[in-house]
C-alpha atoms as a PDB file:
ATOM      1  CA  MET A   1      79.845  97.373  87.396  1.00  0.00           C
ATOM      2  CA  GLU A   2      80.668  98.551  90.887  1.00  0.00           C
ATOM      3  CA  LEU A   3      84.189  99.521  91.807  1.00  0.00           C
ATOM      4  CA  VAL A   4      84.474  96.848  94.504  1.00  0.00           C
ATOM      5  CA  ALA A   5      83.484  94.131  92.014  1.00  0.00           C
ATOM      6  CA  LYS A   6      86.062  95.392  89.521  1.00  0.00           C
ATOM      7  CA  ILE A   7      88.746  95.342  92.196  1.00  0.00           C
ATOM      8  CA  THR A   8      87.828  91.801  93.201  1.00  0.00           C
ATOM      9  CA  LEU A   9      88.018  90.641  89.577  1.00  0.00           C
ATOM     10  CA  LEU A  10      91.352  92.399  89.116  1.00  0.00           C
ATOM     11  CA  PHE A  11      92.828  90.645  92.141  1.00  0.00           C
ATOM     12  CA  ALA A  12      91.405  87.316  90.943  1.00  0.00           C
ATOM     13  CA  GLY A  13      93.018  87.856  87.537  1.00  0.00           C
ATOM     14  CA  TRP A  14      96.407  88.565  89.085  1.00  0.00           C
ATOM     15  CA  GLY A  15      95.907  85.499  91.278  1.00  0.00           C
ATOM     16  CA  ALA A  16      95.301  83.418  88.157  1.00  0.00           C
ATOM     17  CA  ILE A  17      98.554  84.654  86.627  1.00  0.00           C
ATOM     18  CA  ALA A  18     100.415  83.911  89.859  1.00  0.00           C
ATOM     19  CA  GLY A  19      98.860  80.433  90.019  1.00  0.00           C
ATOM     20  CA  VAL A  20      99.930  79.492  86.505  1.00  0.00           C
ATOM     21  CA  LEU A  21     103.473  80.748  87.109  1.00  0.00           C
ATOM     22  CA  SER A  22     103.631  78.921  90.431  1.00  0.00           C
ATOM     23  CA  GLY A  23     102.420  75.689  88.869  1.00  0.00           C
ATOM     24  CA  PHE A  24     105.209  75.694  86.326  1.00  0.00           C
ATOM     25  CA  LEU A  25     107.868  76.689  88.854  1.00  0.00           C
ATOM     26  CA  ARG A  26     106.923  73.969  91.326  1.00  0.00           C
ATOM     27  CA  GLY A  27     109.101  71.514  89.414  1.00  0.00           C
ATOM     28  CA  MET A  28     112.206  73.243  90.791  1.00  0.00           C
ATOM     29  CA  PRO A  29     114.126  71.753  93.718  1.00  0.00           C
ATOM     30  CA  THR A  30     112.184  71.953  96.968  1.00  0.00           C
ATOM     31  CA  GLU A  31     113.861  74.890  98.701  1.00  0.00           C
ATOM     32  CA  GLN A  32     114.177  77.045  95.605  1.00  0.00           C
ATOM     33  CA  GLY A  33     110.694  76.166  94.416  1.00  0.00           C
ATOM     34  CA  SER A  34     109.062  77.077  97.716  1.00  0.00           C
ATOM     35  CA  LEU A  35     110.818  80.423  97.877  1.00  0.00           C
ATOM     36  CA  ALA A  36     109.894  81.133  94.270  1.00  0.00           C
ATOM     37  CA  LEU A  37     106.234  80.349  95.026  1.00  0.00           C
ATOM     38  CA  LEU A  38     106.179  82.733  97.967  1.00  0.00           C
ATOM     39  CA  ALA A  39     108.001  85.426  96.025  1.00  0.00           C
ATOM     40  CA  ILE A  40     105.559  85.180  93.120  1.00  0.00           C
ATOM     41  CA  PHE A  41     102.542  85.142  95.429  1.00  0.00           C
ATOM     42  CA  PHE A  42     103.501  88.190  97.465  1.00  0.00           C
ATOM     43  CA  SER A  43     105.011  90.217  94.634  1.00  0.00           C
ATOM     44  CA  LEU A  44     101.971  89.824  92.379  1.00  0.00           C
ATOM     45  CA  PHE A  45      99.588  90.554  95.252  1.00  0.00           C
ATOM     46  CA  TYR A  46     101.556  93.709  96.012  1.00  0.00           C
ATOM     47  CA  ALA A  47     101.637  94.627  92.320  1.00  0.00           C
ATOM     48  CA  SER A  48      97.875  94.224  92.053  1.00  0.00           C
ATOM     49  CA  TYR A  49      97.417  96.441  95.116  1.00  0.00           C
ATOM     50  CA  ARG A  50      99.681  99.156  93.729  1.00  0.00           C
ATOM     51  CA  LEU A  51      98.394  98.993  90.142  1.00  0.00           C
ATOM     52  CA  ALA A  52      94.659  98.738  90.880  1.00  0.00           C
ATOM     53  CA  PRO A  53      94.023 102.516  90.932  1.00  0.00           C
ATOM     54  CA  ASN A  54      95.929 102.972  87.655  1.00  0.00           C
ATOM     55  CA  ILE A  55      94.382 100.023  85.820  1.00  0.00           C
ATOM     56  CA  LEU A  56      90.820 100.740  86.937  1.00  0.00           C
ATOM     57  CA  LYS A  57      91.325 104.515  86.723  1.00  0.00           C
ATOM     58  CA  PHE A  58      89.978 105.506  90.108  1.00  0.00           C
ATOM     59  CA  THR A  59      91.338 107.843  92.704  1.00  0.00           C
ATOM     60  CA  PRO A  60      91.705 106.545  96.249  1.00  0.00           C
ATOM     61  CA  ASP A  61      88.970 108.971  97.339  1.00  0.00           C
ATOM     62  CA  GLU A  62      86.418 107.290  95.035  1.00  0.00           C
ATOM     63  CA  PHE A  63      86.762 103.987  96.864  1.00  0.00           C
ATOM     64  CA  PRO A  64      83.917 103.216  99.295  1.00  0.00           C
ATOM     65  CA  GLY A  65      85.120 104.389 102.668  1.00  0.00           C
ATOM     66  CA  GLY A  66      87.212 107.157 101.133  1.00  0.00           C
ATOM     67  CA  ARG A  67      90.637 105.510 101.376  1.00  0.00           C
ATOM     68  CA  TRP A  68      92.567 102.938  99.368  1.00  0.00           C
ATOM     69  CA  THR A  69      95.039 101.407 101.779  1.00  0.00           C
ATOM     70  CA  GLY A  70      96.804  98.095 102.070  1.00  0.00           C
ATOM     71  CA  LEU A  71      94.278  96.919 104.643  1.00  0.00           C
ATOM     72  CA  THR A  72      91.298  97.652 102.400  1.00  0.00           C
ATOM     73  CA  ALA A  73      93.047  95.908  99.506  1.00  0.00           C
ATOM     74  CA  PHE A  74      93.690  92.922 101.747  1.00  0.00           C
ATOM     75  CA  LYS A  75      90.050  92.800 102.842  1.00  0.00           C
ATOM     76  CA  ARG A  76      88.622  93.209  99.336  1.00  0.00           C
ATOM     77  CA  GLY A  77      91.044  91.275  97.187  1.00  0.00           C
ATOM     78  CA  PHE A  78      92.955  88.680  99.147  1.00  0.00           C
ATOM     79  CA  LEU A  79      90.331  85.937  99.143  1.00  0.00           C
ATOM     80  CA  GLY A  80      89.778  86.109  95.375  1.00  0.00           C
ATOM     81  CA  PHE A  81      93.521  86.239  94.788  1.00  0.00           C
ATOM     82  CA  LEU A  82      94.146  83.277  97.086  1.00  0.00           C
ATOM     83  CA  ILE A  83      91.409  81.087  95.610  1.00  0.00           C
ATOM     84  CA  MET A  84      92.442  81.707  92.006  1.00  0.00           C
ATOM     85  CA  TRP A  85      96.119  81.226  92.854  1.00  0.00           C
ATOM     86  CA  LEU A  86      95.472  77.957  94.656  1.00  0.00           C
ATOM     87  CA  VAL A  87      93.127  76.463  92.051  1.00  0.00           C
ATOM     88  CA  LEU A  88      95.310  77.335  89.073  1.00  0.00           C
ATOM     89  CA  TRP A  89      98.502  76.367  90.867  1.00  0.00           C
ATOM     90  CA  ILE A  90      97.141  72.865  91.539  1.00  0.00           C
ATOM     91  CA  LEU A  91      95.656  72.559  88.039  1.00  0.00           C
ATOM     92  CA  THR A  92      98.807  73.733  86.268  1.00  0.00           C
ATOM     93  CA  TYR A  93     101.065  71.588  88.422  1.00  0.00           C
ATOM     94  CA  ASN A  94      98.991  68.463  87.765  1.00  0.00           C
ATOM     95  CA  ILE A  95      98.901  69.113  84.034  1.00  0.00           C
ATOM     96  CA  ALA A  96     102.638  69.818  83.946  1.00  0.00           C
ATOM     97  CA  ILE A  97     103.664  66.600  85.732  1.00  0.00           C
ATOM     98  CA  SER A  98     101.378  64.297  83.755  1.00  0.00           C
END
């Protein structure tokens, strides 16, 4: 499997974890719940960016383009992270309140 595909799947996996956590925390009061959702979203996205080279065992030079920066992580992984977070957040929240 290509490195870019592995990175996309890694970000999607972290997005799934963030979505499940966000779905369960949405039952908190409005202000605290919203801040918790944002904190979970951004902290797990940042963690996936920082841990991707260690988990997938690649050096930043092996990445296509020669550099692993925050911008390349944003371009490659944000959409998968966002979609998985949103889908699982809605699913978990609806299951939790019913």
